[in-house]
């Protein structure tokens, strides 16, 4: 398994202790924010991974923590999916 400190996902901050990928997404309005959250919920259910989310009207903070001791493929794939969803949502 890759060490947590070696994992890099474009646009995401990698935290060592506790291991976590962190990113804040910004949207134009609440409608976009809600659309992103709804789509992210679908991906979350499909992948069986549930991140920590914090949001307000135009921002969503996503914290991706490992299901085991270190970040792995599941967490990286989820982070990449979240980025793709945010880009699609922001593009309209």
PDB file of N, CA and C in Angstrom:
ATOM      1  N   UNK A   1       0.842  -1.179   0.000  1.00  0.00           N
ATOM      2  CA  UNK A   1       0.000   0.000   0.000  1.00  0.00           C
ATOM      3  C   UNK A   1       0.891   1.246   0.000  1.00  0.00           C
ATOM      4  N   UNK A   2       0.460   2.278  -0.699  1.00  0.00           N
ATOM      5  CA  UNK A   2       1.189   3.535  -0.766  1.00  0.00           C
ATOM      6  C   UNK A   2       1.076   4.259   0.570  1.00  0.00           C
ATOM      7  N   UNK A   3       2.192   4.845   1.016  1.00  0.00           N
ATOM      8  CA  UNK A   3       2.160   5.624   2.247  1.00  0.00           C
ATOM      9  C   UNK A   3       1.262   6.842   2.068  1.00  0.00           C
ATOM     10  N   UNK A   4       0.536   7.207   3.090  1.00  0.00           N
ATOM     11  CA  UNK A   4      -0.364   8.354   3.048  1.00  0.00           C
ATOM     12  C   UNK A   4       0.353   9.612   2.582  1.00  0.00           C
ATOM     13  N   UNK A   5       1.567   9.817   3.024  1.00  0.00           N
ATOM     14  CA  UNK A   5       2.297  11.037   2.671  1.00  0.00           C
ATOM     15  C   UNK A   5       2.660  11.079   1.196  1.00  0.00           C
ATOM     16  N   UNK A   6       2.637   9.933   0.510  1.00  0.00           N
ATOM     17  CA  UNK A   6       2.972   9.877  -0.911  1.00  0.00           C
ATOM     18  C   UNK A   6       1.772  10.158  -1.804  1.00  0.00           C
ATOM     19  N   UNK A   7       0.593  10.187  -1.247  1.00  0.00           N
ATOM     20  CA  UNK A   7      -0.618  10.376  -2.042  1.00  0.00           C
ATOM     21  C   UNK A   7      -0.831  11.856  -2.334  1.00  0.00           C
ATOM     22  N   UNK A   8      -0.968  12.161  -3.609  1.00  0.00           N
ATOM     23  CA  UNK A   8      -1.251  13.524  -4.048  1.00  0.00           C
ATOM     24  C   UNK A   8      -2.409  13.468  -5.041  1.00  0.00           C
ATOM     25  N   UNK A   9      -3.398  14.303  -4.839  1.00  0.00           N
ATOM     26  CA  UNK A   9      -4.522  14.413  -5.763  1.00  0.00           C
ATOM     27  C   UNK A   9      -4.611  15.881  -6.136  1.00  0.00           C
ATOM     28  N   UNK A  10      -4.584  16.173  -7.443  1.00  0.00           N
ATOM     29  CA  UNK A  10      -4.604  17.560  -7.910  1.00  0.00           C
ATOM     30  C   UNK A  10      -5.714  18.356  -7.244  1.00  0.00           C
ATOM     31  N   UNK A  11      -5.333  19.500  -6.682  1.00  0.00           N
ATOM     32  CA  UNK A  11      -6.300  20.402  -6.062  1.00  0.00           C
ATOM     33  C   UNK A  11      -6.629  20.077  -4.618  1.00  0.00           C
ATOM     34  N   UNK A  12      -6.149  18.957  -4.119  1.00  0.00           N
ATOM     35  CA  UNK A  12      -6.448  18.530  -2.753  1.00  0.00           C
ATOM     36  C   UNK A  12      -5.221  18.691  -1.870  1.00  0.00           C
ATOM     37  N   UNK A  13      -5.468  19.066  -0.620  1.00  0.00           N
ATOM     38  CA  UNK A  13      -4.406  19.134   0.377  1.00  0.00           C
ATOM     39  C   UNK A  13      -4.300  17.760   1.033  1.00  0.00           C
ATOM     40  N   UNK A  14      -3.083  17.259   1.181  1.00  0.00           N
ATOM     41  CA  UNK A  14      -2.868  15.988   1.876  1.00  0.00           C
ATOM     42  C   UNK A  14      -2.394  16.275   3.291  1.00  0.00           C
ATOM     43  N   UNK A  15      -3.162  15.819   4.261  1.00  0.00           N
ATOM     44  CA  UNK A  15      -2.805  15.980   5.668  1.00  0.00           C
ATOM     45  C   UNK A  15      -2.218  14.665   6.155  1.00  0.00           C
ATOM     46  N   UNK A  16      -1.138  14.756   6.938  1.00  0.00           N
ATOM     47  CA  UNK A  16      -0.465  13.542   7.418  1.00  0.00           C
ATOM     48  C   UNK A  16      -1.118  12.936   8.655  1.00  0.00           C
ATOM     49  N   UNK A  17      -1.403  13.780   9.655  1.00  0.00           N
ATOM     50  CA  UNK A  17      -1.934  13.269  10.915  1.00  0.00           C
ATOM     51  C   UNK A  17      -3.110  14.096  11.377  1.00  0.00           C
ATOM     52  N   UNK A  18      -4.270  13.555  11.479  1.00  0.00           N
ATOM     53  CA  UNK A  18      -4.629  12.244  10.952  1.00  0.00           C
ATOM     54  C   UNK A  18      -4.643  12.282   9.429  1.00  0.00           C
ATOM     55  N   UNK A  19      -4.414  11.145   8.785  1.00  0.00           N
ATOM     56  CA  UNK A  19      -4.372  11.132   7.321  1.00  0.00           C
ATOM     57  C   UNK A  19      -5.711  11.551   6.728  1.00  0.00           C
ATOM     58  N   UNK A  20      -5.638  12.480   5.762  1.00  0.00           N
ATOM     59  CA  UNK A  20      -6.876  13.007   5.199  1.00  0.00           C
ATOM     60  C   UNK A  20      -6.565  13.797   3.928  1.00  0.00           C
ATOM     61  N   UNK A  21      -7.498  13.755   2.981  1.00  0.00           N
ATOM     62  CA  UNK A  21      -7.475  14.634   1.819  1.00  0.00           C
ATOM     63  C   UNK A  21      -8.527  15.703   2.065  1.00  0.00           C
ATOM     64  N   UNK A  22      -8.164  16.962   1.798  1.00  0.00           N
ATOM     65  CA  UNK A  22      -9.055  18.081   2.124  1.00  0.00           C
ATOM     66  C   UNK A  22      -9.178  19.001   0.924  1.00  0.00           C
ATOM     67  N   UNK A  23     -10.415  19.422   0.641  1.00  0.00           N
ATOM     68  CA  UNK A  23     -10.622  20.383  -0.445  1.00  0.00           C
ATOM     69  C   UNK A  23     -11.891  21.189  -0.194  1.00  0.00           C
ATOM     70  N   UNK A  24     -11.833  22.459  -0.571  1.00  0.00           N
ATOM     71  CA  UNK A  24     -13.005  23.326  -0.499  1.00  0.00           C
ATOM     72  C   UNK A  24     -13.418  23.675  -1.926  1.00  0.00           C
ATOM     73  N   UNK A  25     -14.677  23.448  -2.252  1.00  0.00           N
ATOM     74  CA  UNK A  25     -15.224  23.772  -3.566  1.00  0.00           C
ATOM     75  C   UNK A  25     -16.109  25.002  -3.437  1.00  0.00           C
ATOM     76  N   UNK A  26     -16.016  25.896  -4.411  1.00  0.00           N
ATOM     77  CA  UNK A  26     -16.807  27.136  -4.406  1.00  0.00           C
ATOM     78  C   UNK A  26     -17.790  27.108  -5.574  1.00  0.00           C
ATOM     79  N   UNK A  27     -19.013  27.599  -5.329  1.00  0.00           N
ATOM     80  CA  UNK A  27     -20.048  27.616  -6.348  1.00  0.00           C
ATOM     81  C   UNK A  27     -20.672  29.001  -6.436  1.00  0.00           C
ATOM     82  N   UNK A  28     -21.359  29.259  -7.551  1.00  0.00           N
ATOM     83  CA  UNK A  28     -21.944  30.583  -7.790  1.00  0.00           C
ATOM     84  C   UNK A  28     -23.110  30.899  -6.864  1.00  0.00           C
ATOM     85  N   UNK A  29     -23.920  29.879  -6.575  1.00  0.00           N
ATOM     86  CA  UNK A  29     -25.109  30.110  -5.767  1.00  0.00           C
ATOM     87  C   UNK A  29     -25.535  28.819  -5.067  1.00  0.00           C
ATOM     88  N   UNK A  30     -26.573  28.926  -4.268  1.00  0.00           N
ATOM     89  CA  UNK A  30     -27.032  27.773  -3.503  1.00  0.00           C
ATOM     90  C   UNK A  30     -27.520  26.641  -4.406  1.00  0.00           C
ATOM     91  N   UNK A  31     -28.113  26.985  -5.530  1.00  0.00           N
ATOM     92  CA  UNK A  31     -28.600  25.972  -6.459  1.00  0.00           C
ATOM     93  C   UNK A  31     -27.453  25.072  -6.942  1.00  0.00           C
ATOM     94  N   UNK A  32     -26.332  25.677  -7.292  1.00  0.00           N
ATOM     95  CA  UNK A  32     -25.165  24.892  -7.715  1.00  0.00           C
ATOM     96  C   UNK A  32     -24.628  24.055  -6.553  1.00  0.00           C
ATOM     97  N   UNK A  33     -24.582  24.658  -5.371  1.00  0.00           N
ATOM     98  CA  UNK A  33     -24.093  23.934  -4.198  1.00  0.00           C
ATOM     99  C   UNK A  33     -24.954  22.705  -3.943  1.00  0.00           C
ATOM    100  N   UNK A  34     -26.257  22.892  -3.990  1.00  0.00           N
ATOM    101  CA  UNK A  34     -27.196  21.791  -3.754  1.00  0.00           C
ATOM    102  C   UNK A  34     -27.068  20.706  -4.828  1.00  0.00           C
ATOM    103  N   UNK A  35     -26.910  21.111  -6.081  1.00  0.00           N
ATOM    104  CA  UNK A  35     -26.729  20.158  -7.176  1.00  0.00           C
ATOM    105  C   UNK A  35     -25.479  19.311  -6.940  1.00  0.00           C
ATOM    106  N   UNK A  36     -24.386  19.967  -6.566  1.00  0.00           N
ATOM    107  CA  UNK A  36     -23.141  19.243  -6.285  1.00  0.00           C
ATOM    108  C   UNK A  36     -23.332  18.249  -5.142  1.00  0.00           C
ATOM    109  N   UNK A  37     -23.959  18.694  -4.052  1.00  0.00           N
ATOM    110  CA  UNK A  37     -24.172  17.815  -2.907  1.00  0.00           C
ATOM    111  C   UNK A  37     -25.050  16.613  -3.265  1.00  0.00           C
ATOM    112  N   UNK A  38     -26.081  16.833  -4.068  1.00  0.00           N
ATOM    113  CA  UNK A  38     -26.947  15.726  -4.493  1.00  0.00           C
ATOM    114  C   UNK A  38     -26.174  14.712  -5.336  1.00  0.00           C
ATOM    115  N   UNK A  39     -25.374  15.216  -6.274  1.00  0.00           N
ATOM    116  CA  UNK A  39     -24.576  14.316  -7.124  1.00  0.00           C
ATOM    117  C   UNK A  39     -23.514  13.585  -6.310  1.00  0.00           C
ATOM    118  N   UNK A  40     -22.896  14.302  -5.376  1.00  0.00           N
ATOM    119  CA  UNK A  40     -21.868  13.685  -4.535  1.00  0.00           C
ATOM    120  C   UNK A  40     -22.468  12.588  -3.663  1.00  0.00           C
ATOM    121  N   UNK A  41     -23.688  12.794  -3.199  1.00  0.00           N
ATOM    122  CA  UNK A  41     -24.373  11.772  -2.396  1.00  0.00           C
ATOM    123  C   UNK A  41     -24.576  10.498  -3.213  1.00  0.00           C
ATOM    124  N   UNK A  42     -24.924  10.639  -4.484  1.00  0.00           N
ATOM    125  CA  UNK A  42     -25.104   9.472  -5.350  1.00  0.00           C
ATOM    126  C   UNK A  42     -23.791   8.699  -5.515  1.00  0.00           C
ATOM    127  N   UNK A  43     -22.706   9.430  -5.761  1.00  0.00           N
ATOM    128  CA  UNK A  43     -21.390   8.794  -5.905  1.00  0.00           C
ATOM    129  C   UNK A  43     -21.002   8.112  -4.595  1.00  0.00           C
ATOM    130  N   UNK A  44     -21.262   8.773  -3.501  1.00  0.00           N
ATOM    131  CA  UNK A  44     -20.943   8.232  -2.191  1.00  0.00           C
ATOM    132  C   UNK A  44     -21.635   6.890  -1.968  1.00  0.00           C
ATOM    133  N   UNK A  45     -22.908   6.831  -2.296  1.00  0.00           N
ATOM    134  CA  UNK A  45     -23.659   5.578  -2.132  1.00  0.00           C
ATOM    135  C   UNK A  45     -23.134   4.491  -3.067  1.00  0.00           C
ATOM    136  N   UNK A  46     -22.843   4.858  -4.313  1.00  0.00           N
ATOM    137  CA  UNK A  46     -22.325   3.885  -5.288  1.00  0.00           C
ATOM    138  C   UNK A  46     -20.984   3.306  -4.850  1.00  0.00           C
ATOM    139  N   UNK A  47     -20.113   4.149  -4.303  1.00  0.00           N
ATOM    140  CA  UNK A  47     -18.773   3.714  -3.925  1.00  0.00           C
ATOM    141  C   UNK A  47     -18.716   3.120  -2.514  1.00  0.00           C
ATOM    142  N   UNK A  48     -19.754   3.356  -1.722  1.00  0.00           N
ATOM    143  CA  UNK A  48     -19.739   2.872  -0.350  1.00  0.00           C
ATOM    144  C   UNK A  48     -18.762   3.648   0.521  1.00  0.00           C
ATOM    145  N   UNK A  49     -18.546   4.909   0.172  1.00  0.00           N
ATOM    146  CA  UNK A  49     -17.638   5.757   0.940  1.00  0.00           C
ATOM    147  C   UNK A  49     -18.374   7.044   1.305  1.00  0.00           C
ATOM    148  N   UNK A  50     -18.267   7.445   2.559  1.00  0.00           N
ATOM    149  CA  UNK A  50     -18.996   8.616   3.037  1.00  0.00           C
ATOM    150  C   UNK A  50     -18.027   9.606   3.682  1.00  0.00           C
ATOM    151  N   UNK A  51     -17.749  10.720   2.991  1.00  0.00           N
ATOM    152  CA  UNK A  51     -16.799  11.711   3.493  1.00  0.00           C
ATOM    153  C   UNK A  51     -17.434  12.593   4.564  1.00  0.00           C
ATOM    154  N   UNK A  52     -16.600  13.379   5.189  1.00  0.00           N
ATOM    155  CA  UNK A  52     -17.089  14.411   6.097  1.00  0.00           C
ATOM    156  C   UNK A  52     -17.318  15.666   5.266  1.00  0.00           C
ATOM    157  N   UNK A  53     -18.511  16.236   5.365  1.00  0.00           N
ATOM    158  CA  UNK A  53     -18.864  17.421   4.580  1.00  0.00           C
ATOM    159  C   UNK A  53     -19.261  18.566   5.499  1.00  0.00           C
ATOM    160  N   UNK A  54     -18.894  19.747   5.084  1.00  0.00           N
ATOM    161  CA  UNK A  54     -19.367  20.961   5.739  1.00  0.00           C
ATOM    162  C   UNK A  54     -19.694  21.924   4.609  1.00  0.00           C
ATOM    163  N   UNK A  55     -20.857  22.571   4.683  1.00  0.00           N
ATOM    164  CA  UNK A  55     -21.221  23.444   3.581  1.00  0.00           C
ATOM    165  C   UNK A  55     -22.011  24.645   4.059  1.00  0.00           C
ATOM    166  N   UNK A  56     -21.989  25.668   3.213  1.00  0.00           N
ATOM    167  CA  UNK A  56     -22.855  26.814   3.406  1.00  0.00           C
ATOM    168  C   UNK A  56     -23.450  27.152   2.042  1.00  0.00           C
ATOM    169  N   UNK A  57     -23.900  28.354   1.848  1.00  0.00           N
ATOM    170  CA  UNK A  57     -24.615  28.712   0.621  1.00  0.00           C
ATOM    171  C   UNK A  57     -23.823  28.480  -0.654  1.00  0.00           C
ATOM    172  N   UNK A  58     -22.540  28.803  -0.664  1.00  0.00           N
ATOM    173  CA  UNK A  58     -21.768  28.707  -1.914  1.00  0.00           C
ATOM    174  C   UNK A  58     -20.451  27.942  -1.765  1.00  0.00           C
ATOM    175  N   UNK A  59     -20.265  27.212  -0.671  1.00  0.00           N
ATOM    176  CA  UNK A  59     -19.030  26.463  -0.463  1.00  0.00           C
ATOM    177  C   UNK A  59     -19.320  25.080   0.112  1.00  0.00           C
ATOM    178  N   UNK A  60     -18.493  24.140  -0.293  1.00  0.00           N
ATOM    179  CA  UNK A  60     -18.559  22.803   0.293  1.00  0.00           C
ATOM    180  C   UNK A  60     -17.133  22.378   0.623  1.00  0.00           C
ATOM    181  N   UNK A  61     -16.895  22.040   1.880  1.00  0.00           N
ATOM    182  CA  UNK A  61     -15.606  21.501   2.303  1.00  0.00           C
ATOM    183  C   UNK A  61     -15.765  19.987   2.411  1.00  0.00           C
ATOM    184  N   UNK A  62     -14.838  19.272   1.758  1.00  0.00           N
ATOM    185  CA  UNK A  62     -14.884  17.808   1.749  1.00  0.00           C
ATOM    186  C   UNK A  62     -13.614  17.283   2.412  1.00  0.00           C
ATOM    187  N   UNK A  63     -13.778  16.465   3.432  1.00  0.00           N
ATOM    188  CA  UNK A  63     -12.653  15.801   4.091  1.00  0.00           C
ATOM    189  C   UNK A  63     -12.769  14.310   3.826  1.00  0.00           C
ATOM    190  N   UNK A  64     -11.750  13.768   3.184  1.00  0.00           N
ATOM    191  CA  UNK A  64     -11.729  12.347   2.841  1.00  0.00           C
ATOM    192  C   UNK A  64     -10.734  11.656   3.771  1.00  0.00           C
ATOM    193  N   UNK A  65     -11.262  10.894   4.716  1.00  0.00           N
ATOM    194  CA  UNK A  65     -10.442  10.159   5.683  1.00  0.00           C
ATOM    195  C   UNK A  65     -10.397   8.690   5.285  1.00  0.00           C
ATOM    196  N   UNK A  66      -9.343   7.998   5.681  1.00  0.00           N
ATOM    197  CA  UNK A  66      -9.239   6.581   5.308  1.00  0.00           C
ATOM    198  C   UNK A  66     -10.213   5.706   6.082  1.00  0.00           C
ATOM    199  N   UNK A  67     -10.679   4.656   5.409  1.00  0.00           N
ATOM    200  CA  UNK A  67     -11.510   3.666   6.094  1.00  0.00           C
ATOM    201  C   UNK A  67     -10.635   2.775   6.968  1.00  0.00           C
ATOM    202  N   UNK A  68      -9.360   2.657   6.566  1.00  0.00           N
ATOM    203  CA  UNK A  68      -8.399   1.890   7.364  1.00  0.00           C
ATOM    204  C   UNK A  68      -7.383   2.884   7.925  1.00  0.00           C
ATOM    205  N   UNK A  69      -6.155   2.463   8.169  1.00  0.00           N
ATOM    206  CA  UNK A  69      -5.167   3.341   8.795  1.00  0.00           C
ATOM    207  C   UNK A  69      -4.581   4.383   7.860  1.00  0.00           C
ATOM    208  N   UNK A  70      -4.493   4.067   6.579  1.00  0.00           N
ATOM    209  CA  UNK A  70      -3.882   4.997   5.629  1.00  0.00           C
ATOM    210  C   UNK A  70      -4.808   5.223   4.439  1.00  0.00           C
ATOM    211  N   UNK A  71      -4.604   6.331   3.765  1.00  0.00           N
ATOM    212  CA  UNK A  71      -5.374   6.624   2.558  1.00  0.00           C
ATOM    213  C   UNK A  71      -5.024   5.607   1.478  1.00  0.00           C
ATOM    214  N   UNK A  72      -6.017   5.199   0.728  1.00  0.00           N
ATOM    215  CA  UNK A  72      -5.786   4.212  -0.314  1.00  0.00           C
ATOM    216  C   UNK A  72      -6.531   4.548  -1.588  1.00  0.00           C
ATOM    217  N   UNK A  73      -6.663   3.554  -2.433  1.00  0.00           N
ATOM    218  CA  UNK A  73      -7.275   3.722  -3.751  1.00  0.00           C
ATOM    219  C   UNK A  73      -8.705   4.242  -3.669  1.00  0.00           C
ATOM    220  N   UNK A  74      -9.501   3.728  -2.750  1.00  0.00           N
ATOM    221  CA  UNK A  74     -10.904   4.155  -2.618  1.00  0.00           C
ATOM    222  C   UNK A  74     -10.997   5.655  -2.343  1.00  0.00           C
ATOM    223  N   UNK A  75     -10.192   6.126  -1.415  1.00  0.00           N
ATOM    224  CA  UNK A  75     -10.233   7.534  -1.050  1.00  0.00           C
ATOM    225  C   UNK A  75      -9.758   8.431  -2.198  1.00  0.00           C
ATOM    226  N   UNK A  76      -8.723   7.991  -2.906  1.00  0.00           N
ATOM    227  CA  UNK A  76      -8.213   8.761  -4.044  1.00  0.00           C
ATOM    228  C   UNK A  76      -9.256   8.805  -5.159  1.00  0.00           C
ATOM    229  N   UNK A  77      -9.878   7.669  -5.447  1.00  0.00           N
ATOM    230  CA  UNK A  77     -10.916   7.635  -6.489  1.00  0.00           C
ATOM    231  C   UNK A  77     -12.092   8.533  -6.114  1.00  0.00           C
ATOM    232  N   UNK A  78     -12.468   8.528  -4.834  1.00  0.00           N
ATOM    233  CA  UNK A  78     -13.570   9.379  -4.395  1.00  0.00           C
ATOM    234  C   UNK A  78     -13.208  10.856  -4.571  1.00  0.00           C
ATOM    235  N   UNK A  79     -12.003  11.235  -4.176  1.00  0.00           N
ATOM    236  CA  UNK A  79     -11.566  12.628  -4.305  1.00  0.00           C
ATOM    237  C   UNK A  79     -11.580  13.061  -5.774  1.00  0.00           C
ATOM    238  N   UNK A  80     -11.119  12.206  -6.656  1.00  0.00           N
ATOM    239  CA  UNK A  80     -11.112  12.533  -8.090  1.00  0.00           C
ATOM    240  C   UNK A  80     -12.536  12.654  -8.630  1.00  0.00           C
ATOM    241  N   UNK A  81     -13.413  11.789  -8.189  1.00  0.00           N
ATOM    242  CA  UNK A  81     -14.821  11.859  -8.607  1.00  0.00           C
ATOM    243  C   UNK A  81     -15.456  13.167  -8.119  1.00  0.00           C
ATOM    244  N   UNK A  82     -15.151  13.557  -6.881  1.00  0.00           N
ATOM    245  CA  UNK A  82     -15.689  14.803  -6.335  1.00  0.00           C
ATOM    246  C   UNK A  82     -15.213  15.994  -7.156  1.00  0.00           C
ATOM    247  N   UNK A  83     -13.950  15.989  -7.557  1.00  0.00           N
ATOM    248  CA  UNK A  83     -13.404  17.071  -8.374  1.00  0.00           C
ATOM    249  C   UNK A  83     -14.118  17.133  -9.715  1.00  0.00           C
ATOM    250  N   UNK A  84     -14.300  15.982 -10.350  1.00  0.00           N
ATOM    251  CA  UNK A  84     -15.009  15.952 -11.647  1.00  0.00           C
ATOM    252  C   UNK A  84     -16.431  16.464 -11.509  1.00  0.00           C
ATOM    253  N   UNK A  85     -17.123  16.060 -10.462  1.00  0.00           N
ATOM    254  CA  UNK A  85     -18.502  16.530 -10.236  1.00  0.00           C
ATOM    255  C   UNK A  85     -18.543  18.027 -10.025  1.00  0.00           C
ATOM    256  N   UNK A  86     -17.613  18.545  -9.254  1.00  0.00           N
ATOM    257  CA  UNK A  86     -17.579  19.992  -9.000  1.00  0.00           C
ATOM    258  C   UNK A  86     -17.345  20.753 -10.300  1.00  0.00           C
ATOM    259  N   UNK A  87     -16.414  20.275 -11.116  1.00  0.00           N
ATOM    260  CA  UNK A  87     -16.140  20.957 -12.394  1.00  0.00           C
ATOM    261  C   UNK A  87     -17.352  20.940 -13.305  1.00  0.00           C
ATOM    262  N   UNK A  88     -18.049  19.818 -13.371  1.00  0.00           N
ATOM    263  CA  UNK A  88     -19.271  19.738 -14.192  1.00  0.00           C
ATOM    264  C   UNK A  88     -20.359  20.661 -13.649  1.00  0.00           C
ATOM    265  N   UNK A  89     -20.500  20.698 -12.344  1.00  0.00           N
ATOM    266  CA  UNK A  89     -21.514  21.554 -11.723  1.00  0.00           C
ATOM    267  C   UNK A  89     -21.207  23.014 -11.958  1.00  0.00           C
ATOM    268  N   UNK A  90     -19.956  23.407 -11.811  1.00  0.00           N
ATOM    269  CA  UNK A  90     -19.549  24.796 -12.000  1.00  0.00           C
ATOM    270  C   UNK A  90     -19.699  25.231 -13.462  1.00  0.00           C
ATOM    271  N   UNK A  91     -19.527  24.288 -14.393  1.00  0.00           N
ATOM    272  CA  UNK A  91     -19.645  24.604 -15.817  1.00  0.00           C
ATOM    273  C   UNK A  91     -21.101  24.763 -16.238  1.00  0.00           C
ATOM    274  N   UNK A  92     -21.999  24.230 -15.419  1.00  0.00           N
ATOM    275  CA  UNK A  92     -23.423  24.363 -15.724  1.00  0.00           C
ATOM    276  C   UNK A  92     -23.889  23.207 -16.461  1.00  0.00           C
TER     277      UNK A  92
END
